Amino acid sequence: MAELTEALAKATTSQDVVEAVAHRVLPPFHATGLVVQAVEGDHTYNLGRPVGYPRAFLEEVDGRARVASDPVWDAISAGGPLFVSSAEEYAARFPELAHHPATTGKQSWAFLPLTVSGVSFGICVISFDQPRRLTAEERTLLSAISGLVAQALERARLYDAEHTRSRALQRALLPQRLPELPSCTAAARYLPTDRGVAVGGDWYDVITLGGGRTALVIGDVMGRGVRAAAVMGQLRTAVRAYARLDLPPHEVLQLLDGLAVEIDANQIATCVYAVHDPNEGRLVYASAGHLPILVRDENGEVLRADEPTGPPLGTGGWVHSSGSVPLGPGATAVLYTDGLVERRDQDLDEGIAALARALSGATGTPQVVCDRLVRSAGVTADHDDDVAVLVLQHPHRTGPAADLFRNAALDLLGGVEAAPRARAFASGVLTSWRFPTELHDLGVLAASELVANSLQHGTPPMRLRLRRTDRRLIIEVTDGDDHLPRRRRAEPADESGRGIDIVATIASGWGSRRTPGGGKAVWCEFLLPKR
C-alpha cells in the first residue's frame, strides 16, 4: 500500500495510474489481468494500456454501451465492488456475456468502481487465471485500493484535459501550414515536451515577401505558461506585420526589441529573422541571442553562420546588424531552438556540433531532413524542453522541371531609348517563354510602367529582371535611389502618378524595398495557371 500510494502520488496521466496499479497491485494478489475504464454517458472506454487480455476482447469492450446484465455496469450502478469467483458463476449471473471467460482465459474477477465524492466515473477490473474466492481481508484491501486509484485517476483526468487544452493553444499559436514558396521548399517540426501542462514559448514562421523572396523566423520565449505563450503569440504576429514592410532583418529585430520591452520587460526572448532571395543566392539574417543558423551546401559541407548581432529581445538599447551566408541551389538552411541541442550532460557547443554532423549527411526533402535531425538529436517522447526545427531548401532544378525556372535581365543605361528597349526585351523574353497572349501583354505593360517609374524618379544604375517559377512571373526593376514609391490616386488633370496604380491593378501583387548600397527594388508578380 505504501509503494502504491507513492506511485499514485507521482502519476500525472491516466497511463501512469494504470501502470502503477499493474506494477504494485497485480503481483501481490497473483492477478493476471487489468482493465481500467472511464464512463462517458452510457458507454465505457479503456484507459491506459490494459494487461493480460487479447486485443479482440479489448476492442469489443472499448466504447461498449450499457446493457441490462453486465458486471461492469452493475458495480458502477451499485457504487460498490462486485466479486465473481469462477467462470461458472460468471456465466450464471451474466448469461449474455457467458463467452467472456473462454474468450479471455480468465476464471475470477474483482469489479471495483472508481468513486469520488459519491459519483462513480469508472471501473477497475482485476482478474485471475484460476477460480478464486477472495477472503474478506483481500476484498477490503482491494476496496481501499480502488479509492486510492479513483483519487489518482481523477487528478490524472484533470491533468489530461488541461494538457490537451494546452497543446491545442500551442498549436493554434503556430502556423497551421507553411505557404507554398515560389523557388524553395520548407518544412518544420514542433515537438512539445510531455512534462507538465504549461505551454512553451518556442515558435517559428515562414513568410512569403513577394518577388520570389522568403522570410524565415524562429524564436524562443523563456519560461512556460500562458504568459510565455501570450508573448510568443504577440511577437509572431508582430513579425508578420513588420515583414510586410520588407525591412532588412536587423531593422525587423530592432522593432521587435522595442515591442518586447513594451509587452513585458521581464520576459526575455531569443529570435532569428532571415530573408532568402534565390536571385542573390544568399540568406541575409539577424539574430537576437539565438542559436546560429546551420547551412549545408551542395557538396555536403556545413557552415555555421556567424552571429553578428546582439542580446535577446527585451533588453533594449542595442543596435542590431545583419549578416549573410551563402544559400545557393542545392543548399539547405536549418533554424532550430535549444531543445534540439541542449542537454544537461553536454555542452551547448557540442550539441550544435553534433547537429552539424547530422546535417552533413541528411539528404532528401525538407521534411525528411527535419525528421533525421530530430532522430539524431535523440529527442524522445519524454524530452524536457520544446523543440522547433525549420528547414529551407534551395533545390537544384534539373530535367523538364528546369524549364519552369528561368531568369533574364537587362541593364538600362537611361535616355529616351531605355523604355522602348525595355518593352522589346520583356516582349521577347515572354514570347520565348511561350506565355499566352493576355499574360504576355500584361507582363510587358507592367515592365514598361516599372521602368518608366525608375527613369523618372530613380538614378543609375538601373536594371530590369524577369523571373519565372513554376507558379509565378516576377518582374523587378532596381535603381540607385532609395526613395520607395507608393500607390496614390492621380487626379484627372495629372500627367503622371498612374504607373504604380496600373501595376497594382493588373498584377497579383507588388512591393518595394531598399537594397544594400542605398538603392531600391520595385517588383510585381503574376500568378501563372496550373499546368
Protein backbone atom coordinates (compact mmCIF):
# COMPACT_ATOMS: atom_id res chain seq x y z
CA MET A 1 0.00 0.00 0.00
CA ALA A 2 2.86 2.37 0.81
CA GLU A 3 4.53 1.69 -2.55
CA LEU A 4 1.23 2.04 -4.40
CA THR A 5 0.42 5.30 -2.62
CA GLU A 6 3.83 6.71 -3.54
CA ALA A 7 3.50 5.63 -7.19
CA LEU A 8 -0.01 7.08 -7.49
CA ALA A 9 1.16 10.36 -5.95
CA LYS A 10 3.71 10.70 -8.76
CA ALA A 11 1.24 9.72 -11.51
CA THR A 12 0.28 12.62 -13.76
CA THR A 13 -1.56 10.85 -16.59
CA SER A 14 -4.14 8.09 -16.84
CA GLN A 15 -1.47 5.80 -18.26
CA ASP A 16 0.72 6.47 -15.22
CA VAL A 17 -2.13 5.41 -12.93
CA VAL A 18 -2.79 2.20 -14.86
CA GLU A 19 0.90 1.31 -14.83
CA ALA A 20 1.11 1.92 -11.08
CA VAL A 21 -1.78 -0.48 -10.47
CA ALA A 22 -0.31 -3.08 -12.84
CA HIS A 23 3.11 -3.00 -11.12
CA ARG A 24 2.00 -2.61 -7.48
CA VAL A 25 -1.33 -4.46 -7.21
CA LEU A 26 -1.33 -7.40 -9.63
CA PRO A 27 1.84 -9.18 -8.35
CA PRO A 28 0.91 -9.31 -4.62
CA PHE A 29 -2.53 -10.73 -5.46
CA HIS A 30 -1.15 -13.04 -8.18
CA ALA A 31 -3.60 -11.43 -10.57
CA THR A 32 -3.04 -11.64 -14.35
CA GLY A 33 -5.45 -9.14 -15.87
CA LEU A 34 -6.22 -5.44 -15.55
CA VAL A 35 -8.66 -3.21 -17.37
CA VAL A 36 -9.40 0.36 -16.26
CA GLN A 37 -12.33 2.10 -17.93
CA ALA A 38 -13.91 5.54 -17.75
CA VAL A 39 -17.63 6.19 -18.03
CA GLU A 40 -18.86 8.70 -20.61
CA GLY A 41 -22.64 8.79 -20.78
CA ASP A 42 -23.86 5.24 -21.36
CA HIS A 43 -20.53 3.93 -22.65
CA THR A 44 -17.26 2.82 -21.11
CA TYR A 45 -13.85 3.47 -22.64
CA ASN A 46 -10.48 1.89 -21.93
CA LEU A 47 -7.84 3.99 -20.18
CA GLY A 48 -4.12 3.42 -20.45
CA ARG A 49 -2.78 0.05 -21.60
CA PRO A 50 -4.76 -2.94 -20.28
CA VAL A 51 -2.86 -6.02 -19.10
CA GLY A 52 -3.45 -9.69 -19.87
CA TYR A 53 -6.27 -9.50 -22.42
CA PRO A 54 -6.40 -10.31 -26.16
CA ARG A 55 -6.74 -7.33 -28.49
CA ALA A 56 -10.06 -8.51 -29.94
CA PHE A 57 -11.68 -8.51 -26.49
CA LEU A 58 -10.29 -5.07 -25.65
CA GLU A 59 -11.67 -3.68 -28.89
CA GLU A 60 -15.05 -5.27 -28.07
CA VAL A 61 -15.35 -3.63 -24.63
CA ASP A 62 -13.85 -0.25 -25.61
CA GLY A 63 -16.83 2.02 -26.13
CA ARG A 64 -19.33 -0.69 -25.18
CA ALA A 65 -22.82 0.61 -24.49
CA ARG A 66 -24.70 0.00 -21.25
CA VAL A 67 -26.72 -3.22 -21.09
CA ALA A 68 -29.09 -4.66 -18.50
CA SER A 69 -26.91 -7.54 -17.31
CA ASP A 70 -23.24 -6.60 -17.18
CA PRO A 71 -20.85 -6.87 -14.19
CA VAL A 72 -19.15 -3.59 -15.10
CA TRP A 73 -22.37 -1.60 -15.10
CA ASP A 74 -23.78 -3.48 -12.08
CA ALA A 75 -20.75 -2.44 -10.00
CA ILE A 76 -20.89 1.14 -11.26
CA SER A 77 -24.62 1.44 -10.63
CA ALA A 78 -24.35 -0.04 -7.11
CA GLY A 79 -21.32 2.08 -6.29
CA GLY A 80 -19.71 -0.91 -4.58
CA PRO A 81 -17.34 -3.76 -5.51
CA LEU A 82 -18.51 -6.90 -7.26
CA PHE A 83 -16.57 -10.17 -6.92
CA VAL A 84 -17.06 -13.21 -9.19
CA SER A 85 -15.20 -16.36 -8.08
CA SER A 86 -15.45 -18.65 -11.13
CA ALA A 87 -16.36 -18.87 -14.80
CA GLU A 88 -19.49 -20.87 -13.87
CA GLU A 89 -20.66 -18.13 -11.54
CA TYR A 90 -19.93 -15.53 -14.24
CA ALA A 91 -22.00 -17.43 -16.84
CA ALA A 92 -24.87 -17.96 -14.41
CA ARG A 93 -25.07 -14.31 -13.36
CA PHE A 94 -24.44 -12.81 -16.79
CA PRO A 95 -25.68 -15.31 -19.39
CA GLU A 96 -25.49 -12.88 -22.31
CA LEU A 97 -21.77 -12.47 -21.64
CA ALA A 98 -21.07 -16.12 -20.88
CA HIS A 99 -18.48 -16.27 -23.67
CA HIS A 100 -16.15 -13.81 -21.93
CA PRO A 101 -14.31 -16.35 -19.70
CA ALA A 102 -13.44 -18.57 -22.67
CA THR A 103 -12.54 -15.54 -24.81
CA THR A 104 -10.22 -14.02 -22.21
CA GLY A 105 -8.97 -17.09 -20.36
CA LYS A 106 -9.96 -15.52 -17.01
CA GLN A 107 -11.61 -17.50 -14.23
CA SER A 108 -12.34 -14.97 -11.48
CA TRP A 109 -12.76 -11.21 -11.20
CA ALA A 110 -12.91 -8.18 -8.93
CA PHE A 111 -15.01 -5.32 -10.37
CA LEU A 112 -14.04 -2.21 -8.41
CA PRO A 113 -15.98 1.01 -9.13
CA LEU A 114 -13.93 4.20 -9.11
CA THR A 115 -15.85 6.70 -6.99
CA VAL A 116 -15.06 10.28 -5.99
CA SER A 117 -17.49 12.44 -3.96
CA GLY A 118 -20.16 9.77 -4.28
CA VAL A 119 -20.02 9.65 -8.08
CA SER A 120 -18.70 6.57 -9.89
CA PHE A 121 -16.88 7.69 -13.02
CA GLY A 122 -15.09 4.47 -13.93
CA ILE A 123 -14.23 0.88 -13.14
CA CYS A 124 -11.06 -1.06 -12.32
CA VAL A 125 -11.31 -4.77 -13.21
CA ILE A 126 -8.71 -7.12 -11.74
CA SER A 127 -8.84 -10.73 -12.94
CA PHE A 128 -7.21 -14.10 -12.31
CA ASP A 129 -6.41 -17.13 -14.46
CA GLN A 130 -7.74 -19.53 -11.81
CA PRO A 131 -11.02 -19.66 -9.88
CA ARG A 132 -10.53 -17.76 -6.65
CA ARG A 133 -12.72 -16.75 -3.74
CA LEU A 134 -11.11 -13.73 -2.18
CA THR A 135 -11.05 -13.50 1.61
CA ALA A 136 -12.80 -10.75 3.49
CA GLU A 137 -9.44 -9.10 4.20
CA GLU A 138 -8.48 -9.23 0.49
CA ARG A 139 -11.81 -7.74 -0.54
CA THR A 140 -11.45 -4.95 1.99
CA LEU A 141 -7.92 -4.23 0.78
CA LEU A 142 -9.00 -4.13 -2.87
CA SER A 143 -11.85 -1.78 -2.00
CA ALA A 144 -9.41 0.54 -0.25
CA ILE A 145 -7.08 0.36 -3.25
CA SER A 146 -9.92 1.32 -5.59
CA GLY A 147 -10.43 4.50 -3.55
CA LEU A 148 -6.77 5.45 -3.95
CA VAL A 149 -6.89 4.67 -7.66
CA ALA A 150 -10.06 6.75 -8.09
CA GLN A 151 -8.47 9.80 -6.46
CA ALA A 152 -5.30 9.46 -8.57
CA LEU A 153 -7.25 8.87 -11.75
CA GLU A 154 -9.45 11.90 -11.17
CA ARG A 155 -6.33 14.06 -10.80
CA ALA A 156 -4.87 12.47 -13.92
CA ARG A 157 -8.03 13.09 -15.93
CA LEU A 158 -7.94 16.77 -14.99
CA TYR A 159 -4.27 16.83 -15.96
CA ASP A 160 -5.04 15.13 -19.28
CA ALA A 161 -7.79 17.65 -20.02
CA GLU A 162 -5.53 20.60 -19.20
CA HIS A 163 -2.70 19.03 -21.17
CA THR A 164 -4.98 18.68 -24.19
CA ARG A 165 -6.13 22.31 -23.93
CA SER A 166 -2.53 23.48 -23.58
CA ARG A 167 -1.48 21.59 -26.69
CA ALA A 168 -4.45 22.97 -28.62
CA LEU A 169 -3.49 26.52 -27.57
CA GLN A 170 0.12 25.98 -28.54
CA ARG A 171 -0.76 24.56 -31.94
CA ALA A 172 -3.15 27.44 -32.58
CA LEU A 173 -0.33 29.93 -31.98
CA LEU A 174 1.90 28.24 -34.58
CA PRO A 175 1.41 28.15 -38.37
CA GLN A 176 -1.30 25.69 -39.34
CA ARG A 177 0.58 25.01 -42.57
CA LEU A 178 3.55 26.51 -44.35
CA PRO A 179 2.98 28.58 -47.50
CA GLU A 180 3.84 27.38 -50.99
CA LEU A 181 7.14 29.04 -51.88
CA PRO A 182 7.95 30.16 -55.42
CA SER A 183 11.53 28.86 -55.68
CA CYS A 184 12.32 26.95 -52.49
CA THR A 185 10.76 24.33 -50.26
CA ALA A 186 10.36 24.42 -46.49
CA ALA A 187 9.29 22.16 -43.66
CA ALA A 188 9.05 22.45 -39.89
CA ARG A 189 8.71 20.16 -36.90
CA TYR A 190 7.42 21.19 -33.50
CA LEU A 191 7.64 18.74 -30.60
CA PRO A 192 6.21 19.96 -27.29
CA THR A 193 7.60 18.49 -24.11
CA ASP A 194 5.40 15.93 -22.39
CA ARG A 195 6.45 17.16 -18.97
CA GLY A 196 3.92 19.45 -17.35
CA VAL A 197 0.84 21.03 -18.84
CA ALA A 198 2.14 24.56 -19.30
CA VAL A 199 2.60 25.68 -22.90
CA GLY A 200 6.06 26.66 -24.06
CA GLY A 201 7.34 29.68 -25.93
CA ASP A 202 9.06 28.11 -28.97
CA TRP A 203 7.74 29.41 -32.29
CA TYR A 204 8.55 29.63 -35.98
CA ASP A 205 7.10 31.05 -39.18
CA VAL A 206 7.66 31.16 -42.94
CA ILE A 207 6.52 34.33 -44.73
CA THR A 208 6.41 34.99 -48.47
CA LEU A 209 7.63 38.51 -49.18
CA GLY A 210 6.84 38.65 -52.90
CA GLY A 211 9.33 38.96 -55.69
CA GLY A 212 10.40 35.35 -55.06
CA ARG A 213 11.80 36.16 -51.62
CA THR A 214 11.07 34.28 -48.39
CA ALA A 215 11.39 35.27 -44.73
CA LEU A 216 12.17 32.71 -42.04
CA VAL A 217 11.79 33.31 -38.33
CA ILE A 218 12.30 31.15 -35.28
CA GLY A 219 12.31 32.17 -31.63
CA ASP A 220 12.05 31.06 -28.05
CA VAL A 221 10.34 32.91 -25.22
CA MET A 222 11.96 31.87 -21.97
CA GLY A 223 9.78 30.11 -19.42
CA ARG A 224 6.48 28.30 -19.74
CA GLY A 225 2.84 29.00 -19.15
CA VAL A 226 0.12 31.22 -20.51
CA ARG A 227 2.22 34.37 -20.15
CA ALA A 228 5.07 32.94 -22.25
CA ALA A 229 2.56 31.74 -24.84
CA ALA A 230 0.91 35.18 -24.96
CA VAL A 231 4.26 36.92 -25.52
CA MET A 232 5.13 34.35 -28.18
CA GLY A 233 1.84 34.95 -29.99
CA GLN A 234 2.29 38.73 -29.95
CA LEU A 235 5.87 38.52 -31.23
CA ARG A 236 4.90 36.17 -34.05
CA THR A 237 2.05 38.46 -35.10
CA ALA A 238 4.35 41.48 -34.98
CA VAL A 239 6.98 39.75 -37.12
CA ARG A 240 4.41 39.06 -39.82
CA ALA A 241 3.38 42.73 -39.78
CA TYR A 242 6.96 44.00 -39.87
CA ALA A 243 7.80 41.55 -42.66
CA ARG A 244 5.22 43.24 -44.87
CA LEU A 245 7.31 46.40 -44.65
CA ASP A 246 10.12 44.47 -46.38
CA LEU A 247 12.72 45.82 -43.99
CA PRO A 248 16.23 44.40 -43.60
CA PRO A 249 16.46 41.68 -40.91
CA HIS A 250 18.26 43.87 -38.38
CA GLU A 251 15.56 46.55 -38.64
CA VAL A 252 12.86 43.95 -38.01
CA LEU A 253 14.68 42.82 -34.86
CA GLN A 254 15.10 46.44 -33.79
CA LEU A 255 11.34 46.90 -33.94
CA LEU A 256 10.75 43.59 -32.17
CA ASP A 257 13.13 44.55 -29.39
CA GLY A 258 11.17 47.70 -28.64
CA LEU A 259 7.89 45.80 -28.74
CA ALA A 260 9.21 43.10 -26.40
CA VAL A 261 10.10 45.75 -23.82
CA GLU A 262 6.57 47.16 -24.02
CA ILE A 263 4.91 43.74 -23.77
CA ASP A 264 6.86 42.53 -20.74
CA ALA A 265 10.28 43.83 -19.80
CA ASN A 266 10.85 40.77 -17.61
CA GLN A 267 10.11 38.24 -20.36
CA ILE A 268 13.25 37.50 -22.40
CA ALA A 269 13.03 36.02 -25.89
CA THR A 270 15.59 34.98 -28.49
CA CYS A 271 14.92 35.22 -32.21
CA VAL A 272 16.45 34.84 -35.67
CA TYR A 273 14.93 36.60 -38.67
CA ALA A 274 16.30 35.72 -42.11
CA VAL A 275 15.44 36.59 -45.71
CA HIS A 276 16.32 34.43 -48.70
CA ASP A 277 16.45 35.82 -52.23
CA PRO A 278 17.09 33.00 -54.74
CA ASN A 279 18.44 35.51 -57.27
CA GLU A 280 21.21 36.54 -54.91
CA GLY A 281 21.88 33.03 -53.57
CA ARG A 282 22.31 34.28 -50.01
CA LEU A 283 20.49 34.17 -46.72
CA VAL A 284 20.57 37.57 -45.00
CA TYR A 285 19.80 37.33 -41.30
CA ALA A 286 19.91 38.99 -37.90
CA SER A 287 19.98 37.23 -34.55
CA ALA A 288 18.87 38.37 -31.11
CA GLY A 289 20.66 35.98 -28.78
CA HIS A 290 19.53 32.91 -30.71
CA LEU A 291 21.46 29.81 -31.77
CA PRO A 292 23.44 30.03 -35.05
CA ILE A 293 21.89 29.04 -38.38
CA LEU A 294 23.44 25.97 -40.00
CA VAL A 295 23.74 25.78 -43.79
CA ARG A 296 24.63 22.64 -45.75
CA ASP A 297 25.96 23.42 -49.22
CA GLU A 298 25.50 21.29 -52.32
CA ASN A 299 28.68 19.33 -51.50
CA GLY A 300 27.55 18.35 -48.01
CA GLU A 301 29.78 20.81 -46.14
CA VAL A 302 28.08 22.54 -43.21
CA LEU A 303 28.69 26.20 -42.44
CA ARG A 304 27.84 27.64 -39.05
CA ALA A 305 26.65 31.21 -39.59
CA ASP A 306 28.35 33.96 -37.65
CA GLU A 307 26.32 35.76 -35.01
CA PRO A 308 26.80 39.46 -35.83
CA THR A 309 24.02 40.81 -33.67
CA GLY A 310 23.28 41.17 -30.03
CA PRO A 311 21.43 40.08 -26.94
CA PRO A 312 17.90 38.66 -26.65
CA LEU A 313 14.80 40.71 -27.32
CA GLY A 314 13.55 42.79 -24.45
CA THR A 315 16.93 44.07 -23.27
CA GLY A 316 16.54 47.38 -25.14
CA GLY A 317 19.18 49.86 -26.27
CA TRP A 318 21.07 47.52 -28.59
CA VAL A 319 21.66 48.36 -32.27
CA HIS A 320 21.31 45.16 -34.29
CA SER A 321 23.06 44.41 -37.57
CA SER A 322 22.58 41.93 -40.39
CA GLY A 323 24.90 39.22 -41.63
CA SER A 324 24.69 36.85 -44.57
CA VAL A 325 25.60 33.30 -45.51
CA PRO A 326 25.62 31.65 -48.98
CA LEU A 327 22.47 29.68 -49.80
CA GLY A 328 22.51 28.82 -53.50
CA PRO A 329 20.96 25.95 -55.45
CA GLY A 330 21.41 22.63 -53.67
CA ALA A 331 21.85 24.23 -50.24
CA THR A 332 19.82 23.66 -47.08
CA ALA A 333 19.41 26.04 -44.12
CA VAL A 334 18.38 24.87 -40.65
CA LEU A 335 16.99 27.08 -37.88
CA TYR A 336 16.22 25.49 -34.50
CA THR A 337 15.60 26.11 -30.81
CA ASP A 338 17.73 24.98 -27.89
CA GLY A 339 15.57 21.94 -27.11
CA LEU A 340 17.20 20.22 -30.10
CA VAL A 341 20.82 20.67 -28.99
CA GLU A 342 20.89 21.42 -25.26
CA ARG A 343 21.34 18.58 -22.77
CA ARG A 344 22.17 18.63 -19.06
CA ASP A 345 25.19 16.38 -19.55
CA GLN A 346 26.51 18.09 -22.69
CA ASP A 347 27.99 21.46 -23.54
CA LEU A 348 25.81 23.54 -25.88
CA ASP A 349 28.59 23.86 -28.47
CA GLU A 350 28.92 20.07 -28.50
CA GLY A 351 25.20 19.78 -29.22
CA ILE A 352 25.44 22.25 -32.11
CA ALA A 353 28.48 20.41 -33.49
CA ALA A 354 26.60 17.11 -33.31
CA LEU A 355 23.67 18.68 -35.15
CA ALA A 356 26.06 19.96 -37.84
CA ARG A 357 27.46 16.45 -38.32
CA ALA A 358 23.95 15.06 -38.64
CA LEU A 359 23.03 17.75 -41.17
CA SER A 360 26.08 16.98 -43.33
CA GLY A 361 24.65 13.52 -44.03
CA ALA A 362 20.97 14.48 -44.10
CA THR A 363 19.67 14.47 -47.65
CA GLY A 364 16.16 14.37 -49.05
CA THR A 365 13.18 16.67 -48.79
CA PRO A 366 12.99 19.32 -46.04
CA GLN A 367 10.54 17.12 -44.09
CA VAL A 368 12.95 14.18 -44.29
CA VAL A 369 15.80 16.40 -43.11
CA CYS A 370 13.66 17.60 -40.17
CA ASP A 371 12.89 14.04 -39.12
CA ARG A 372 16.51 12.92 -39.40
CA LEU A 373 17.78 15.82 -37.34
CA VAL A 374 15.22 15.16 -34.61
CA ARG A 375 16.14 11.47 -34.50
CA SER A 376 19.88 12.18 -34.50
CA ALA A 377 19.46 14.54 -31.54
CA GLY A 378 17.85 11.75 -29.52
CA VAL A 379 14.61 13.63 -28.91
CA THR A 380 12.21 11.18 -27.23
CA ALA A 381 8.61 11.27 -26.08
CA ASP A 382 9.66 12.37 -22.56
CA HIS A 383 12.07 15.15 -23.55
CA ASP A 384 12.11 18.01 -21.07
CA ASP A 385 12.06 21.00 -23.45
CA ASP A 386 10.09 22.03 -26.51
CA VAL A 387 11.80 21.51 -29.86
CA ALA A 388 11.24 23.56 -33.02
CA VAL A 389 13.10 22.93 -36.28
CA LEU A 390 12.72 24.89 -39.52
CA VAL A 391 14.38 23.75 -42.76
CA LEU A 392 14.61 25.69 -46.05
CA GLN A 393 15.99 24.14 -49.23
CA HIS A 394 17.04 25.91 -52.41
CA PRO A 395 16.90 22.87 -54.69
CA HIS A 396 18.66 22.29 -57.96
CA ARG A 397 16.33 22.44 -60.95
CA THR A 398 17.12 19.62 -63.34
CA GLY A 399 15.29 17.80 -66.12
CA PRO A 400 11.98 19.03 -67.56
CA ALA A 401 11.22 20.99 -64.38
CA ALA A 402 14.19 23.25 -65.06
CA ASP A 403 12.27 24.81 -67.97
CA LEU A 404 9.84 26.28 -65.44
CA PHE A 405 12.57 28.25 -63.65
CA ARG A 406 14.17 30.91 -65.82
CA ASN A 407 15.83 34.29 -65.40
CA ALA A 408 16.50 37.16 -67.79
CA ALA A 409 18.00 40.58 -67.02
CA LEU A 410 18.71 43.81 -68.90
CA ASP A 411 20.89 46.71 -67.76
CA LEU A 412 19.30 50.08 -68.55
CA LEU A 413 21.54 52.99 -69.42
CA GLY A 414 18.82 55.64 -69.34
CA GLY A 415 17.89 58.04 -72.13
CA VAL A 416 14.92 58.09 -74.45
CA GLU A 417 15.69 54.63 -75.83
CA ALA A 418 15.55 52.92 -72.41
CA ALA A 419 11.77 52.50 -72.21
CA PRO A 420 11.21 51.04 -75.72
CA ARG A 421 14.29 48.86 -75.28
CA ALA A 422 12.87 47.51 -72.02
CA ARG A 423 9.49 46.81 -73.65
CA ALA A 424 11.12 44.99 -76.55
CA PHE A 425 13.27 42.96 -74.16
CA ALA A 426 10.29 41.98 -71.99
CA SER A 427 8.22 41.07 -75.05
CA GLY A 428 10.98 38.91 -76.47
CA VAL A 429 11.59 37.10 -73.19
CA LEU A 430 7.91 36.39 -72.54
CA THR A 431 7.47 35.21 -76.12
CA SER A 432 10.40 32.81 -75.77
CA TRP A 433 8.86 31.52 -72.56
CA ARG A 434 5.64 30.84 -74.50
CA PHE A 435 3.36 32.90 -72.33
CA PRO A 436 -0.24 33.22 -73.54
CA THR A 437 -1.09 36.50 -75.27
CA GLU A 438 -3.03 38.06 -72.40
CA LEU A 439 -0.34 37.34 -69.81
CA HIS A 440 2.37 38.39 -72.29
CA ASP A 441 0.73 41.76 -72.81
CA LEU A 442 0.18 42.34 -69.08
CA GLY A 443 3.81 41.47 -68.37
CA VAL A 444 5.08 43.88 -71.00
CA LEU A 445 2.82 46.62 -69.65
CA ALA A 446 4.00 46.06 -66.07
CA ALA A 447 7.67 46.07 -67.13
CA SER A 448 7.11 49.28 -69.10
CA GLU A 449 5.46 51.07 -66.16
CA LEU A 450 8.11 49.98 -63.66
CA VAL A 451 10.91 51.07 -65.96
CA ALA A 452 9.19 54.39 -66.63
CA ASN A 453 8.85 54.97 -62.89
CA SER A 454 12.53 54.22 -62.38
CA LEU A 455 13.59 56.51 -65.23
CA GLN A 456 11.54 59.39 -63.83
CA HIS A 457 12.24 59.02 -60.11
CA GLY A 458 15.35 56.83 -59.83
CA THR A 459 19.05 57.12 -60.54
CA PRO A 460 21.54 54.81 -62.27
CA PRO A 461 22.44 52.01 -62.24
CA MET A 462 19.10 50.62 -63.42
CA ARG A 463 18.23 47.05 -64.21
CA LEU A 464 15.16 45.13 -65.41
CA ARG A 465 14.88 41.50 -64.38
CA LEU A 466 12.25 38.90 -65.28
CA ARG A 467 11.99 35.66 -63.42
CA ARG A 468 9.74 32.69 -64.00
CA THR A 469 9.00 29.99 -61.39
CA ASP A 470 6.55 27.12 -61.59
CA ARG A 471 3.67 29.35 -60.43
CA ARG A 472 4.79 32.98 -60.83
CA LEU A 473 6.13 35.55 -63.24
CA ILE A 474 8.18 38.11 -61.30
CA ILE A 475 9.19 41.46 -62.82
CA GLU A 476 11.65 43.63 -60.91
CA VAL A 477 13.37 46.94 -61.59
CA THR A 478 16.28 48.17 -59.47
CA ASP A 479 17.94 51.58 -59.39
CA GLY A 480 20.28 53.63 -57.23
CA ASP A 481 17.74 55.83 -55.46
CA ASP A 482 16.39 54.69 -52.07
CA HIS A 483 13.08 56.58 -52.11
CA LEU A 484 10.32 53.97 -52.16
CA PRO A 485 7.29 54.56 -54.41
CA ARG A 486 3.78 54.48 -53.07
CA ARG A 487 0.45 53.94 -54.70
CA ARG A 488 -1.64 57.09 -54.99
CA ARG A 489 -4.75 58.26 -56.76
CA ALA A 490 -3.92 60.57 -59.68
CA GLU A 491 -6.28 63.44 -60.43
CA PRO A 492 -7.77 63.66 -63.96
CA ALA A 493 -5.53 66.61 -64.84
CA ASP A 494 -2.32 64.95 -63.61
CA GLU A 495 0.16 63.97 -66.31
CA SER A 496 1.92 61.36 -64.14
CA GLY A 497 1.41 59.28 -61.00
CA ARG A 498 -0.55 56.42 -62.56
CA GLY A 499 2.26 53.90 -63.17
CA ILE A 500 2.29 52.16 -59.79
CA ASP A 501 -1.51 52.24 -59.70
CA ILE A 502 -1.64 50.46 -63.07
CA VAL A 503 0.87 47.85 -61.90
CA ALA A 504 -1.04 47.27 -58.65
CA THR A 505 -4.27 46.83 -60.62
CA ILE A 506 -3.08 44.32 -63.21
CA ALA A 507 -0.60 42.29 -61.09
CA SER A 508 -1.30 39.72 -58.38
CA GLY A 509 0.94 41.68 -56.03
CA TRP A 510 3.60 44.38 -55.95
CA GLY A 511 6.04 45.88 -53.49
CA SER A 512 9.28 47.75 -52.99
CA ARG A 513 12.28 47.51 -50.73
CA ARG A 514 15.62 49.19 -50.16
CA THR A 515 18.66 47.30 -51.38
CA PRO A 516 22.18 47.17 -49.92
CA GLY A 517 24.24 50.14 -51.09
CA GLY A 518 21.47 52.72 -50.98
CA GLY A 519 19.21 51.72 -53.88
CA LYS A 520 15.77 50.18 -54.16
CA ALA A 521 13.93 47.40 -55.95
CA VAL A 522 10.33 47.68 -57.16
CA TRP A 523 8.65 44.42 -58.17
CA CYS A 524 5.37 42.89 -59.18
CA GLU A 525 4.28 39.32 -59.80
CA PHE A 526 1.63 37.43 -61.73
CA LEU A 527 0.26 34.06 -60.75
CA LEU A 528 0.52 31.53 -63.56
CA PRO A 529 -2.19 28.98 -64.34
CA LYS A 530 -1.56 25.47 -63.04
CA ARG A 531 -0.16 23.05 -65.58
